[in-house]
Amino acid sequence: MVSNISRVLLVEDNPAHAKLMMRTLSEFSQSLDVDHVSDGEAALAYLFHTGKFEHKTQLPHLVLLDLRIPKFDGLTVLGRIKQDPALKQIPVVILTTSDADSDVREATDRFANSYLVKPIEYLQFVNLMRSVGAYWTELNHRASS
């Protein structure tokens, strides 16, 4: 059984990280749709179908969320997702450079499904993203939507 992950929202303000993440995720499925936004305000507009995303009809099956993003930080976005009845079942994976205990604790308190620290070294970052892709697109089971 496949995990049914076909839409991912990537919330990442670093263009190099975003490009690497999208390229690595594309290795798992030609049909994997990855939408990228670079700040918390755009992420919330996407998820709540407002602003330029008001005509977006489908929600993502997975959110990959950086903590250090402009406008609204990742913890704020995470909190809004997990407080909303229509969004709270969407898995949210924190992908950040912060390994601070306070950030891990706050993300856990706001019901992050996973907390991963981005490695500085390129190959380790690629391998991390391959692991994320394999887990969420091939190994993880979720209920059909």
N, C-alpha and C. Protein backbone atom coordinates (compact mmCIF):
# COMPACT_ATOMS: atom_id res chain seq x y z
N MET A 1 0.83 -1.19 0.00
CA MET A 1 0.00 0.00 0.00
C MET A 1 0.87 1.24 0.00
N VAL A 2 0.56 2.20 -0.84
CA VAL A 2 1.30 3.45 -0.95
C VAL A 2 0.72 4.46 0.03
N SER A 3 1.50 5.41 0.45
CA SER A 3 1.08 6.36 1.47
C SER A 3 0.10 7.40 0.97
N ASN A 4 -0.15 7.50 -0.31
CA ASN A 4 -1.08 8.48 -0.88
C ASN A 4 -0.57 9.91 -0.78
N ILE A 5 0.69 10.12 -0.55
CA ILE A 5 1.25 11.47 -0.54
C ILE A 5 1.48 11.89 -1.99
N SER A 6 0.70 12.84 -2.45
CA SER A 6 0.90 13.32 -3.82
C SER A 6 1.06 14.84 -3.88
N ARG A 7 0.74 15.54 -2.78
CA ARG A 7 0.90 16.99 -2.72
C ARG A 7 1.67 17.37 -1.48
N VAL A 8 2.71 18.17 -1.67
CA VAL A 8 3.56 18.62 -0.57
C VAL A 8 3.62 20.14 -0.62
N LEU A 9 3.50 20.76 0.54
CA LEU A 9 3.76 22.19 0.66
C LEU A 9 5.12 22.35 1.31
N LEU A 10 6.05 22.96 0.60
CA LEU A 10 7.38 23.24 1.11
C LEU A 10 7.44 24.71 1.50
N VAL A 11 7.71 24.98 2.77
CA VAL A 11 7.81 26.34 3.27
C VAL A 11 9.27 26.56 3.65
N GLU A 12 9.99 27.22 2.75
CA GLU A 12 11.45 27.37 2.86
C GLU A 12 11.87 28.68 2.23
N ASP A 13 12.58 29.52 2.99
CA ASP A 13 12.99 30.82 2.46
C ASP A 13 14.37 30.81 1.80
N ASN A 14 15.15 29.78 2.01
CA ASN A 14 16.47 29.69 1.39
C ASN A 14 16.32 29.06 0.00
N PRO A 15 16.56 29.83 -1.07
CA PRO A 15 16.35 29.31 -2.42
C PRO A 15 17.19 28.06 -2.73
N ALA A 16 18.42 28.01 -2.24
CA ALA A 16 19.27 26.84 -2.50
C ALA A 16 18.71 25.60 -1.80
N HIS A 17 18.26 25.76 -0.56
CA HIS A 17 17.66 24.64 0.16
C HIS A 17 16.39 24.17 -0.54
N ALA A 18 15.55 25.14 -0.93
CA ALA A 18 14.29 24.79 -1.60
C ALA A 18 14.54 24.02 -2.89
N LYS A 19 15.50 24.49 -3.68
CA LYS A 19 15.81 23.83 -4.96
C LYS A 19 16.28 22.39 -4.71
N LEU A 20 17.18 22.22 -3.76
CA LEU A 20 17.69 20.89 -3.43
C LEU A 20 16.57 19.98 -2.93
N MET A 21 15.71 20.51 -2.07
CA MET A 21 14.62 19.70 -1.52
C MET A 21 13.65 19.28 -2.62
N MET A 22 13.28 20.20 -3.48
CA MET A 22 12.34 19.87 -4.56
C MET A 22 12.95 18.88 -5.54
N ARG A 23 14.21 19.07 -5.87
CA ARG A 23 14.88 18.15 -6.79
C ARG A 23 14.96 16.74 -6.18
N THR A 24 15.31 16.67 -4.92
CA THR A 24 15.42 15.36 -4.28
C THR A 24 14.06 14.67 -4.16
N LEU A 25 13.03 15.44 -3.79
CA LEU A 25 11.70 14.85 -3.68
C LEU A 25 11.18 14.36 -5.03
N SER A 26 11.57 15.04 -6.11
CA SER A 26 11.10 14.63 -7.45
C SER A 26 11.64 13.26 -7.85
N GLU A 27 12.68 12.78 -7.18
CA GLU A 27 13.22 11.45 -7.46
C GLU A 27 12.22 10.35 -7.11
N PHE A 28 11.28 10.64 -6.23
CA PHE A 28 10.39 9.60 -5.72
C PHE A 28 9.14 9.39 -6.55
N SER A 29 8.72 10.41 -7.26
CA SER A 29 7.51 10.25 -8.04
C SER A 29 7.36 11.40 -9.02
N GLN A 30 7.08 11.07 -10.26
CA GLN A 30 6.82 12.10 -11.26
C GLN A 30 5.51 12.81 -10.93
N SER A 31 4.62 12.13 -10.22
CA SER A 31 3.31 12.71 -9.93
C SER A 31 3.28 13.46 -8.60
N LEU A 32 4.41 13.55 -7.90
CA LEU A 32 4.47 14.29 -6.65
C LEU A 32 4.46 15.78 -6.96
N ASP A 33 3.45 16.46 -6.48
CA ASP A 33 3.29 17.89 -6.71
C ASP A 33 3.83 18.64 -5.50
N VAL A 34 4.93 19.37 -5.67
CA VAL A 34 5.52 20.14 -4.58
C VAL A 34 5.30 21.61 -4.86
N ASP A 35 4.52 22.25 -3.99
CA ASP A 35 4.32 23.70 -4.07
C ASP A 35 5.25 24.34 -3.06
N HIS A 36 5.92 25.40 -3.49
CA HIS A 36 6.91 26.07 -2.64
C HIS A 36 6.47 27.50 -2.34
N VAL A 37 6.50 27.87 -1.07
CA VAL A 37 6.33 29.25 -0.65
C VAL A 37 7.51 29.59 0.26
N SER A 38 7.82 30.87 0.35
CA SER A 38 9.05 31.24 1.06
C SER A 38 8.83 32.00 2.36
N ASP A 39 7.58 32.15 2.80
CA ASP A 39 7.36 32.81 4.08
C ASP A 39 6.09 32.29 4.75
N GLY A 40 5.95 32.61 6.03
CA GLY A 40 4.82 32.11 6.80
C GLY A 40 3.49 32.68 6.37
N GLU A 41 3.49 33.91 5.94
CA GLU A 41 2.24 34.51 5.47
C GLU A 41 1.71 33.79 4.23
N ALA A 42 2.60 33.50 3.29
CA ALA A 42 2.21 32.78 2.08
C ALA A 42 1.77 31.35 2.42
N ALA A 43 2.43 30.73 3.39
CA ALA A 43 2.05 29.37 3.79
C ALA A 43 0.62 29.35 4.33
N LEU A 44 0.29 30.32 5.18
CA LEU A 44 -1.05 30.38 5.74
C LEU A 44 -2.08 30.72 4.67
N ALA A 45 -1.73 31.61 3.74
CA ALA A 45 -2.64 31.93 2.63
C ALA A 45 -2.91 30.68 1.79
N TYR A 46 -1.87 29.91 1.53
CA TYR A 46 -2.01 28.65 0.78
C TYR A 46 -2.94 27.69 1.51
N LEU A 47 -2.70 27.49 2.79
CA LEU A 47 -3.46 26.51 3.56
C LEU A 47 -4.90 26.92 3.82
N PHE A 48 -5.14 28.23 3.94
CA PHE A 48 -6.49 28.71 4.22
C PHE A 48 -7.18 29.27 2.98
N HIS A 49 -6.55 29.06 1.81
CA HIS A 49 -7.14 29.47 0.53
C HIS A 49 -7.52 30.95 0.49
N THR A 50 -6.57 31.81 0.85
CA THR A 50 -6.80 33.24 0.81
C THR A 50 -5.79 33.91 -0.11
N GLY A 51 -6.03 35.19 -0.41
CA GLY A 51 -5.11 35.93 -1.27
C GLY A 51 -4.95 35.26 -2.62
N LYS A 52 -3.72 35.17 -3.08
CA LYS A 52 -3.48 34.58 -4.41
C LYS A 52 -3.78 33.08 -4.46
N PHE A 53 -4.03 32.49 -3.31
CA PHE A 53 -4.35 31.05 -3.26
C PHE A 53 -5.84 30.80 -3.02
N GLU A 54 -6.68 31.82 -3.19
CA GLU A 54 -8.10 31.64 -2.89
C GLU A 54 -8.77 30.61 -3.81
N HIS A 55 -8.20 30.36 -4.97
CA HIS A 55 -8.79 29.38 -5.90
C HIS A 55 -8.15 28.00 -5.76
N LYS A 56 -7.20 27.86 -4.85
CA LYS A 56 -6.56 26.56 -4.59
C LYS A 56 -7.60 25.67 -3.91
N THR A 57 -7.88 24.54 -4.48
CA THR A 57 -8.96 23.71 -3.94
C THR A 57 -8.47 22.53 -3.12
N GLN A 58 -7.23 22.11 -3.30
CA GLN A 58 -6.76 20.92 -2.60
C GLN A 58 -5.72 21.29 -1.55
N LEU A 59 -5.79 20.59 -0.44
CA LEU A 59 -4.81 20.77 0.62
C LEU A 59 -3.63 19.82 0.37
N PRO A 60 -2.47 20.15 0.92
CA PRO A 60 -1.33 19.23 0.78
C PRO A 60 -1.53 18.01 1.69
N HIS A 61 -0.84 16.94 1.34
CA HIS A 61 -0.83 15.74 2.18
C HIS A 61 0.29 15.80 3.20
N LEU A 62 1.24 16.74 2.99
CA LEU A 62 2.41 16.87 3.85
C LEU A 62 2.90 18.30 3.78
N VAL A 63 3.33 18.84 4.92
CA VAL A 63 3.95 20.16 4.96
C VAL A 63 5.38 19.99 5.47
N LEU A 64 6.33 20.49 4.70
CA LEU A 64 7.74 20.55 5.12
C LEU A 64 7.99 22.01 5.48
N LEU A 65 8.32 22.27 6.74
CA LEU A 65 8.29 23.62 7.28
C LEU A 65 9.60 24.00 7.95
N ASP A 66 10.19 25.08 7.45
CA ASP A 66 11.37 25.66 8.11
C ASP A 66 10.89 26.52 9.27
N LEU A 67 11.68 26.63 10.32
CA LEU A 67 11.30 27.47 11.45
C LEU A 67 11.64 28.94 11.23
N ARG A 68 12.76 29.20 10.62
CA ARG A 68 13.27 30.57 10.47
C ARG A 68 12.85 31.12 9.12
N ILE A 69 11.59 31.53 9.03
CA ILE A 69 11.05 32.09 7.80
C ILE A 69 10.48 33.47 8.08
N PRO A 70 10.42 34.33 7.07
CA PRO A 70 9.90 35.69 7.27
C PRO A 70 8.39 35.74 7.50
N LYS A 71 7.94 36.88 7.96
CA LYS A 71 6.55 37.28 8.16
C LYS A 71 5.91 36.58 9.34
N PHE A 72 5.66 35.29 9.28
CA PHE A 72 5.25 34.49 10.43
C PHE A 72 6.25 33.36 10.54
N ASP A 73 6.84 33.14 11.71
CA ASP A 73 7.83 32.07 11.82
C ASP A 73 7.16 30.71 11.75
N GLY A 74 7.98 29.68 11.61
CA GLY A 74 7.47 28.34 11.44
C GLY A 74 6.64 27.83 12.61
N LEU A 75 7.00 28.24 13.82
CA LEU A 75 6.22 27.80 14.99
C LEU A 75 4.81 28.39 14.96
N THR A 76 4.69 29.62 14.49
CA THR A 76 3.37 30.24 14.36
C THR A 76 2.55 29.50 13.32
N VAL A 77 3.16 29.19 12.18
CA VAL A 77 2.47 28.46 11.12
C VAL A 77 2.05 27.08 11.63
N LEU A 78 2.96 26.39 12.29
CA LEU A 78 2.66 25.07 12.85
C LEU A 78 1.47 25.14 13.81
N GLY A 79 1.48 26.12 14.70
CA GLY A 79 0.39 26.27 15.65
C GLY A 79 -0.95 26.48 14.97
N ARG A 80 -0.97 27.31 13.93
CA ARG A 80 -2.22 27.57 13.19
C ARG A 80 -2.71 26.30 12.48
N ILE A 81 -1.78 25.54 11.92
CA ILE A 81 -2.17 24.29 11.25
C ILE A 81 -2.80 23.32 12.25
N LYS A 82 -2.15 23.12 13.36
CA LYS A 82 -2.59 22.10 14.31
C LYS A 82 -3.80 22.53 15.14
N GLN A 83 -4.15 23.82 15.11
CA GLN A 83 -5.35 24.29 15.81
C GLN A 83 -6.59 24.24 14.92
N ASP A 84 -6.40 24.10 13.63
CA ASP A 84 -7.53 24.15 12.71
C ASP A 84 -8.06 22.73 12.45
N PRO A 85 -9.36 22.51 12.65
CA PRO A 85 -9.92 21.16 12.45
C PRO A 85 -9.72 20.61 11.03
N ALA A 86 -9.71 21.47 10.03
CA ALA A 86 -9.56 21.01 8.65
C ALA A 86 -8.11 20.71 8.29
N LEU A 87 -7.16 21.22 9.07
CA LEU A 87 -5.74 21.09 8.73
C LEU A 87 -4.95 20.20 9.69
N LYS A 88 -5.46 19.99 10.89
CA LYS A 88 -4.64 19.38 11.93
C LYS A 88 -4.17 17.97 11.63
N GLN A 89 -4.83 17.26 10.72
CA GLN A 89 -4.41 15.90 10.38
C GLN A 89 -3.27 15.87 9.36
N ILE A 90 -2.94 17.02 8.76
CA ILE A 90 -1.85 17.06 7.79
C ILE A 90 -0.53 16.93 8.56
N PRO A 91 0.29 15.95 8.20
CA PRO A 91 1.59 15.83 8.87
C PRO A 91 2.47 17.04 8.56
N VAL A 92 3.13 17.54 9.60
CA VAL A 92 4.05 18.66 9.46
C VAL A 92 5.42 18.21 9.93
N VAL A 93 6.39 18.29 9.02
CA VAL A 93 7.76 17.95 9.33
C VAL A 93 8.56 19.24 9.40
N ILE A 94 9.16 19.49 10.56
CA ILE A 94 10.03 20.65 10.71
C ILE A 94 11.39 20.29 10.13
N LEU A 95 11.85 21.12 9.20
CA LEU A 95 13.19 20.97 8.61
C LEU A 95 13.91 22.30 8.82
N THR A 96 14.84 22.33 9.74
CA THR A 96 15.44 23.58 10.16
C THR A 96 16.92 23.40 10.48
N THR A 97 17.62 24.51 10.58
CA THR A 97 19.02 24.46 10.99
C THR A 97 19.17 24.48 12.51
N SER A 98 18.08 24.77 13.21
CA SER A 98 18.14 24.90 14.67
C SER A 98 18.06 23.55 15.36
N ASP A 99 19.04 23.30 16.22
CA ASP A 99 18.96 22.11 17.07
C ASP A 99 18.75 22.50 18.53
N ALA A 100 18.28 23.74 18.75
CA ALA A 100 18.05 24.24 20.11
C ALA A 100 16.93 23.45 20.78
N ASP A 101 17.17 23.03 22.01
CA ASP A 101 16.16 22.29 22.76
C ASP A 101 14.84 23.05 22.85
N SER A 102 14.93 24.36 23.00
CA SER A 102 13.70 25.16 23.12
C SER A 102 12.87 25.09 21.84
N ASP A 103 13.51 25.08 20.68
CA ASP A 103 12.78 24.97 19.41
C ASP A 103 12.16 23.58 19.27
N VAL A 104 12.92 22.56 19.61
CA VAL A 104 12.39 21.19 19.54
C VAL A 104 11.19 21.05 20.47
N ARG A 105 11.32 21.57 21.69
CA ARG A 105 10.24 21.48 22.67
C ARG A 105 9.00 22.24 22.19
N GLU A 106 9.18 23.46 21.67
CA GLU A 106 8.04 24.24 21.19
C GLU A 106 7.36 23.56 20.00
N ALA A 107 8.15 23.00 19.10
CA ALA A 107 7.57 22.30 17.94
C ALA A 107 6.80 21.06 18.40
N THR A 108 7.35 20.34 19.34
CA THR A 108 6.67 19.16 19.88
C THR A 108 5.39 19.56 20.60
N ASP A 109 5.45 20.64 21.38
CA ASP A 109 4.27 21.13 22.09
C ASP A 109 3.16 21.55 21.13
N ARG A 110 3.55 21.94 19.92
CA ARG A 110 2.56 22.36 18.92
C ARG A 110 2.23 21.22 17.96
N PHE A 111 2.62 20.02 18.30
CA PHE A 111 2.25 18.79 17.60
C PHE A 111 2.91 18.60 16.24
N ALA A 112 4.17 19.01 16.10
CA ALA A 112 4.92 18.68 14.90
C ALA A 112 5.01 17.16 14.81
N ASN A 113 4.91 16.65 13.60
CA ASN A 113 4.99 15.19 13.42
C ASN A 113 6.42 14.69 13.39
N SER A 114 7.35 15.59 13.11
CA SER A 114 8.75 15.22 13.09
C SER A 114 9.58 16.50 13.15
N TYR A 115 10.80 16.40 13.68
CA TYR A 115 11.70 17.54 13.78
C TYR A 115 13.06 17.08 13.27
N LEU A 116 13.49 17.64 12.16
CA LEU A 116 14.76 17.26 11.55
C LEU A 116 15.66 18.48 11.41
N VAL A 117 16.92 18.29 11.73
CA VAL A 117 17.91 19.37 11.61
C VAL A 117 18.64 19.20 10.29
N LYS A 118 18.64 20.28 9.50
CA LYS A 118 19.31 20.25 8.20
C LYS A 118 20.83 20.21 8.42
N PRO A 119 21.48 19.24 7.84
CA PRO A 119 22.95 19.21 7.93
C PRO A 119 23.57 20.33 7.10
N ILE A 120 24.72 20.76 7.48
CA ILE A 120 25.43 21.80 6.73
C ILE A 120 26.07 21.20 5.48
N GLU A 121 26.56 19.99 5.58
CA GLU A 121 27.26 19.33 4.47
C GLU A 121 26.26 18.89 3.40
N TYR A 122 26.57 19.19 2.15
CA TYR A 122 25.67 18.98 1.02
C TYR A 122 25.20 17.53 0.91
N LEU A 123 26.10 16.57 0.90
CA LEU A 123 25.72 15.17 0.71
C LEU A 123 24.84 14.68 1.86
N GLN A 124 25.14 15.10 3.07
CA GLN A 124 24.29 14.71 4.20
C GLN A 124 22.89 15.31 4.06
N PHE A 125 22.81 16.54 3.53
CA PHE A 125 21.51 17.18 3.30
C PHE A 125 20.72 16.39 2.25
N VAL A 126 21.38 16.01 1.16
CA VAL A 126 20.73 15.21 0.12
C VAL A 126 20.23 13.89 0.70
N ASN A 127 21.07 13.23 1.49
CA ASN A 127 20.67 11.95 2.09
C ASN A 127 19.49 12.12 3.05
N LEU A 128 19.49 13.22 3.81
CA LEU A 128 18.35 13.48 4.70
C LEU A 128 17.07 13.63 3.89
N MET A 129 17.13 14.40 2.81
CA MET A 129 15.94 14.62 1.98
C MET A 129 15.50 13.33 1.30
N ARG A 130 16.44 12.48 0.92
CA ARG A 130 16.06 11.18 0.35
C ARG A 130 15.35 10.33 1.40
N SER A 131 15.82 10.38 2.63
CA SER A 131 15.15 9.64 3.71
C SER A 131 13.75 10.19 3.95
N VAL A 132 13.60 11.51 3.95
CA VAL A 132 12.29 12.12 4.12
C VAL A 132 11.37 11.69 2.98
N GLY A 133 11.87 11.77 1.77
CA GLY A 133 11.07 11.39 0.60
C GLY A 133 10.66 9.93 0.66
N ALA A 134 11.59 9.05 0.98
CA ALA A 134 11.28 7.62 1.05
C ALA A 134 10.26 7.33 2.13
N TYR A 135 10.45 7.94 3.29
CA TYR A 135 9.52 7.68 4.38
C TYR A 135 8.10 8.13 4.04
N TRP A 136 7.96 9.38 3.59
CA TRP A 136 6.62 9.93 3.40
C TRP A 136 5.95 9.48 2.11
N THR A 137 6.72 9.11 1.09
CA THR A 137 6.07 8.69 -0.16
C THR A 137 5.99 7.18 -0.33
N GLU A 138 6.85 6.44 0.36
CA GLU A 138 6.89 4.99 0.14
C GLU A 138 6.58 4.16 1.39
N LEU A 139 7.02 4.59 2.55
CA LEU A 139 6.93 3.74 3.74
C LEU A 139 5.74 4.07 4.64
N ASN A 140 5.45 5.34 4.80
CA ASN A 140 4.38 5.75 5.71
C ASN A 140 3.00 5.42 5.16
N HIS A 141 2.15 4.91 6.01
CA HIS A 141 0.76 4.61 5.61
C HIS A 141 -0.15 5.65 6.23
N ARG A 142 -1.09 6.11 5.45
CA ARG A 142 -2.08 7.06 5.94
C ARG A 142 -3.43 6.68 5.39
N ALA A 143 -4.46 7.15 6.05
CA ALA A 143 -5.81 6.88 5.59
C ALA A 143 -6.05 7.60 4.28
N SER A 144 -6.84 7.01 3.41
CA SER A 144 -7.20 7.66 2.14
C SER A 144 -8.00 8.90 2.43
N SER A 145 -7.76 9.94 1.59
CA SER A 145 -8.51 11.18 1.81
C SER A 145 -9.81 11.19 1.08
